[in-house]
Amino acid sequence: MRSILSFDIHQDDEPHDIDVCAERLESAGREASFFIPTSLLAVRAFREPLRHLAARGFELGTHSHDHSKAETAALRGGGRRDL
């Protein structure tokens, strides 16, 4: 049985955690896809961690350009009723 791992990265996430996650996945021999809002490409702190993901061979994809704060809060702990 094959499993697929995917991660959504948001502006509220810590850029350093991206590298930590990638290192753990690599050491476990796991592949993963990382989905980001394209607006993060303009945030200096995210540039290197995202480049490192690509250099390590992880798949990068987009899941929009930006998220509003209300949408991000609902995704993290609420539900559709919170939007």
N, C-alpha and C. Protein backbone atom coordinates (compact mmCIF):
# COMPACT_ATOMS: atom_id res chain seq x y z
N MET A 1 0.84 -1.18 0.00
CA MET A 1 0.00 0.00 0.00
C MET A 1 0.89 1.24 0.00
N ARG A 2 0.56 2.18 -0.83
CA ARG A 2 1.34 3.41 -0.95
C ARG A 2 0.54 4.56 -0.37
N SER A 3 1.19 5.38 0.40
CA SER A 3 0.51 6.56 0.96
C SER A 3 1.10 7.82 0.34
N ILE A 4 0.29 8.85 0.32
CA ILE A 4 0.71 10.13 -0.23
C ILE A 4 0.65 11.17 0.89
N LEU A 5 1.73 11.89 1.07
CA LEU A 5 1.78 12.95 2.07
C LEU A 5 1.72 14.30 1.37
N SER A 6 0.87 15.16 1.89
CA SER A 6 0.83 16.52 1.37
C SER A 6 0.73 17.49 2.53
N PHE A 7 1.33 18.63 2.36
CA PHE A 7 1.37 19.66 3.38
C PHE A 7 0.94 20.99 2.78
N ASP A 8 0.12 21.72 3.48
CA ASP A 8 -0.24 23.08 3.09
C ASP A 8 0.57 24.04 3.95
N ILE A 9 1.25 24.95 3.31
CA ILE A 9 2.06 25.95 4.02
C ILE A 9 1.33 27.28 3.93
N HIS A 10 1.30 27.99 5.05
CA HIS A 10 0.63 29.29 5.10
C HIS A 10 1.58 30.34 5.67
N GLN A 11 1.24 31.59 5.51
CA GLN A 11 2.09 32.68 5.95
C GLN A 11 2.30 32.67 7.47
N ASP A 12 1.38 32.09 8.22
CA ASP A 12 1.53 32.02 9.67
C ASP A 12 2.49 30.92 10.11
N ASP A 13 2.91 30.06 9.19
CA ASP A 13 3.84 28.99 9.52
C ASP A 13 5.25 29.56 9.67
N GLU A 14 6.07 28.82 10.39
CA GLU A 14 7.47 29.23 10.58
C GLU A 14 8.32 28.68 9.43
N PRO A 15 9.02 29.54 8.71
CA PRO A 15 9.84 29.06 7.59
C PRO A 15 10.84 27.97 7.98
N HIS A 16 11.41 28.08 9.17
CA HIS A 16 12.38 27.08 9.64
C HIS A 16 11.75 25.69 9.72
N ASP A 17 10.48 25.64 10.07
CA ASP A 17 9.79 24.35 10.19
C ASP A 17 9.71 23.61 8.87
N ILE A 18 9.75 24.33 7.76
CA ILE A 18 9.73 23.71 6.44
C ILE A 18 10.98 22.85 6.26
N ASP A 19 12.14 23.40 6.62
CA ASP A 19 13.39 22.64 6.52
C ASP A 19 13.40 21.45 7.46
N VAL A 20 12.91 21.64 8.67
CA VAL A 20 12.86 20.54 9.65
C VAL A 20 11.99 19.41 9.11
N CYS A 21 10.84 19.75 8.59
CA CYS A 21 9.93 18.76 8.03
C CYS A 21 10.59 18.01 6.87
N ALA A 22 11.23 18.75 5.98
CA ALA A 22 11.89 18.13 4.82
C ALA A 22 13.01 17.19 5.26
N GLU A 23 13.78 17.59 6.25
CA GLU A 23 14.86 16.73 6.75
C GLU A 23 14.31 15.43 7.33
N ARG A 24 13.23 15.52 8.08
CA ARG A 24 12.63 14.31 8.66
C ARG A 24 12.05 13.41 7.58
N LEU A 25 11.42 13.99 6.59
CA LEU A 25 10.88 13.19 5.49
C LEU A 25 12.00 12.49 4.73
N GLU A 26 13.07 13.23 4.46
CA GLU A 26 14.21 12.63 3.76
C GLU A 26 14.81 11.48 4.54
N SER A 27 15.01 11.67 5.84
CA SER A 27 15.63 10.62 6.64
C SER A 27 14.74 9.39 6.75
N ALA A 28 13.43 9.56 6.58
CA ALA A 28 12.51 8.43 6.60
C ALA A 28 12.30 7.85 5.20
N GLY A 29 12.93 8.47 4.19
CA GLY A 29 12.78 8.01 2.82
C GLY A 29 11.40 8.24 2.24
N ARG A 30 10.73 9.31 2.69
CA ARG A 30 9.37 9.60 2.24
C ARG A 30 9.35 10.73 1.23
N GLU A 31 8.43 10.63 0.29
CA GLU A 31 8.17 11.70 -0.66
C GLU A 31 6.97 12.49 -0.17
N ALA A 32 6.87 13.74 -0.58
CA ALA A 32 5.73 14.56 -0.17
C ALA A 32 5.53 15.70 -1.16
N SER A 33 4.34 16.23 -1.13
CA SER A 33 3.99 17.41 -1.91
C SER A 33 3.69 18.54 -0.94
N PHE A 34 4.16 19.73 -1.27
CA PHE A 34 3.93 20.91 -0.45
C PHE A 34 3.15 21.91 -1.29
N PHE A 35 2.03 22.36 -0.75
CA PHE A 35 1.18 23.32 -1.45
C PHE A 35 1.25 24.66 -0.74
N ILE A 36 1.46 25.71 -1.52
CA ILE A 36 1.65 27.04 -0.94
C ILE A 36 0.78 28.05 -1.67
N PRO A 37 0.37 29.12 -0.95
CA PRO A 37 -0.20 30.26 -1.67
C PRO A 37 0.96 30.97 -2.37
N THR A 38 0.79 31.33 -3.62
CA THR A 38 1.89 31.93 -4.37
C THR A 38 2.37 33.25 -3.78
N SER A 39 1.55 33.89 -2.95
CA SER A 39 1.98 35.14 -2.31
C SER A 39 3.20 34.92 -1.42
N LEU A 40 3.43 33.68 -0.95
CA LEU A 40 4.60 33.41 -0.11
C LEU A 40 5.91 33.56 -0.87
N LEU A 41 5.86 33.48 -2.18
CA LEU A 41 7.08 33.64 -2.97
C LEU A 41 7.65 35.05 -2.83
N ALA A 42 6.83 35.99 -2.42
CA ALA A 42 7.28 37.37 -2.22
C ALA A 42 7.78 37.63 -0.80
N VAL A 43 7.64 36.65 0.08
CA VAL A 43 8.07 36.80 1.48
C VAL A 43 9.49 36.26 1.61
N ARG A 44 10.41 37.16 1.89
CA ARG A 44 11.84 36.81 1.93
C ARG A 44 12.13 35.58 2.81
N ALA A 45 11.52 35.49 3.96
CA ALA A 45 11.81 34.39 4.89
C ALA A 45 11.45 33.02 4.34
N PHE A 46 10.54 32.96 3.38
CA PHE A 46 10.11 31.69 2.81
C PHE A 46 10.91 31.28 1.57
N ARG A 47 11.64 32.19 0.98
CA ARG A 47 12.29 31.90 -0.30
C ARG A 47 13.27 30.73 -0.22
N GLU A 48 14.21 30.78 0.71
CA GLU A 48 15.21 29.71 0.80
C GLU A 48 14.59 28.37 1.20
N PRO A 49 13.73 28.32 2.22
CA PRO A 49 13.12 27.01 2.54
C PRO A 49 12.36 26.40 1.36
N LEU A 50 11.67 27.23 0.58
CA LEU A 50 10.94 26.70 -0.57
C LEU A 50 11.89 26.24 -1.66
N ARG A 51 12.98 26.96 -1.87
CA ARG A 51 14.00 26.53 -2.84
C ARG A 51 14.61 25.20 -2.41
N HIS A 52 14.84 25.05 -1.10
CA HIS A 52 15.42 23.81 -0.59
C HIS A 52 14.48 22.63 -0.83
N LEU A 53 13.19 22.84 -0.67
CA LEU A 53 12.23 21.76 -0.95
C LEU A 53 12.37 21.29 -2.39
N ALA A 54 12.39 22.25 -3.30
CA ALA A 54 12.51 21.90 -4.72
C ALA A 54 13.84 21.21 -5.01
N ALA A 55 14.92 21.70 -4.42
CA ALA A 55 16.23 21.11 -4.64
C ALA A 55 16.31 19.69 -4.10
N ARG A 56 15.56 19.41 -3.06
CA ARG A 56 15.53 18.06 -2.47
C ARG A 56 14.62 17.11 -3.25
N GLY A 57 13.92 17.64 -4.24
CA GLY A 57 13.07 16.80 -5.06
C GLY A 57 11.62 16.69 -4.61
N PHE A 58 11.23 17.48 -3.62
CA PHE A 58 9.83 17.47 -3.21
C PHE A 58 9.00 18.23 -4.23
N GLU A 59 7.76 17.82 -4.38
CA GLU A 59 6.85 18.50 -5.30
C GLU A 59 6.30 19.76 -4.64
N LEU A 60 6.28 20.86 -5.40
CA LEU A 60 5.68 22.10 -4.94
C LEU A 60 4.49 22.41 -5.83
N GLY A 61 3.40 22.84 -5.20
CA GLY A 61 2.21 23.21 -5.95
C GLY A 61 1.55 24.41 -5.30
N THR A 62 0.64 25.01 -6.01
CA THR A 62 -0.07 26.17 -5.48
C THR A 62 -1.48 25.79 -5.07
N HIS A 63 -1.96 26.44 -4.04
CA HIS A 63 -3.36 26.25 -3.67
C HIS A 63 -4.08 27.59 -3.54
N SER A 64 -3.63 28.57 -4.26
CA SER A 64 -4.25 29.89 -4.42
C SER A 64 -3.15 30.93 -4.44
N HIS A 65 -3.54 32.20 -4.46
CA HIS A 65 -2.54 33.25 -4.35
C HIS A 65 -2.42 33.72 -2.91
N ASP A 66 -3.53 33.81 -2.21
CA ASP A 66 -3.50 34.33 -0.84
C ASP A 66 -4.71 33.81 -0.08
N HIS A 67 -4.61 33.80 1.24
CA HIS A 67 -5.72 33.45 2.12
C HIS A 67 -5.99 34.63 3.05
N SER A 68 -7.25 34.90 3.30
CA SER A 68 -7.57 35.94 4.28
C SER A 68 -7.30 35.37 5.68
N LYS A 69 -7.13 36.24 6.67
CA LYS A 69 -6.90 35.78 8.04
C LYS A 69 -8.06 34.93 8.55
N ALA A 70 -9.30 35.30 8.21
CA ALA A 70 -10.47 34.53 8.65
C ALA A 70 -10.45 33.14 8.03
N GLU A 71 -10.07 33.06 6.77
CA GLU A 71 -10.02 31.75 6.11
C GLU A 71 -8.94 30.88 6.74
N THR A 72 -7.77 31.44 6.99
CA THR A 72 -6.68 30.68 7.60
C THR A 72 -7.08 30.21 9.00
N ALA A 73 -7.71 31.06 9.79
CA ALA A 73 -8.16 30.67 11.13
C ALA A 73 -9.17 29.52 11.05
N ALA A 74 -10.08 29.59 10.11
CA ALA A 74 -11.08 28.52 9.95
C ALA A 74 -10.40 27.21 9.54
N LEU A 75 -9.41 27.30 8.66
CA LEU A 75 -8.69 26.10 8.22
C LEU A 75 -7.93 25.46 9.37
N ARG A 76 -7.38 26.29 10.26
CA ARG A 76 -6.59 25.78 11.36
C ARG A 76 -7.41 25.15 12.47
N GLY A 77 -8.58 25.64 12.74
CA GLY A 77 -9.27 25.09 13.89
C GLY A 77 -10.76 25.20 13.88
N GLY A 78 -11.29 25.88 12.93
CA GLY A 78 -12.73 26.07 12.91
C GLY A 78 -13.37 25.22 11.85
N GLY A 79 -14.26 25.81 11.16
CA GLY A 79 -14.97 25.13 10.10
C GLY A 79 -15.60 26.14 9.17
N ARG A 80 -16.39 25.65 8.27
CA ARG A 80 -17.02 26.54 7.28
C ARG A 80 -17.87 27.61 7.95
N ARG A 81 -18.45 27.30 9.08
CA ARG A 81 -19.29 28.29 9.77
C ARG A 81 -18.50 29.52 10.22
N ASP A 82 -17.15 29.37 10.31
CA ASP A 82 -16.31 30.47 10.76
C ASP A 82 -15.89 31.41 9.64
N LEU A 83 -16.20 31.08 8.40
CA LEU A 83 -15.78 31.94 7.28
C LEU A 83 -16.73 33.09 7.07
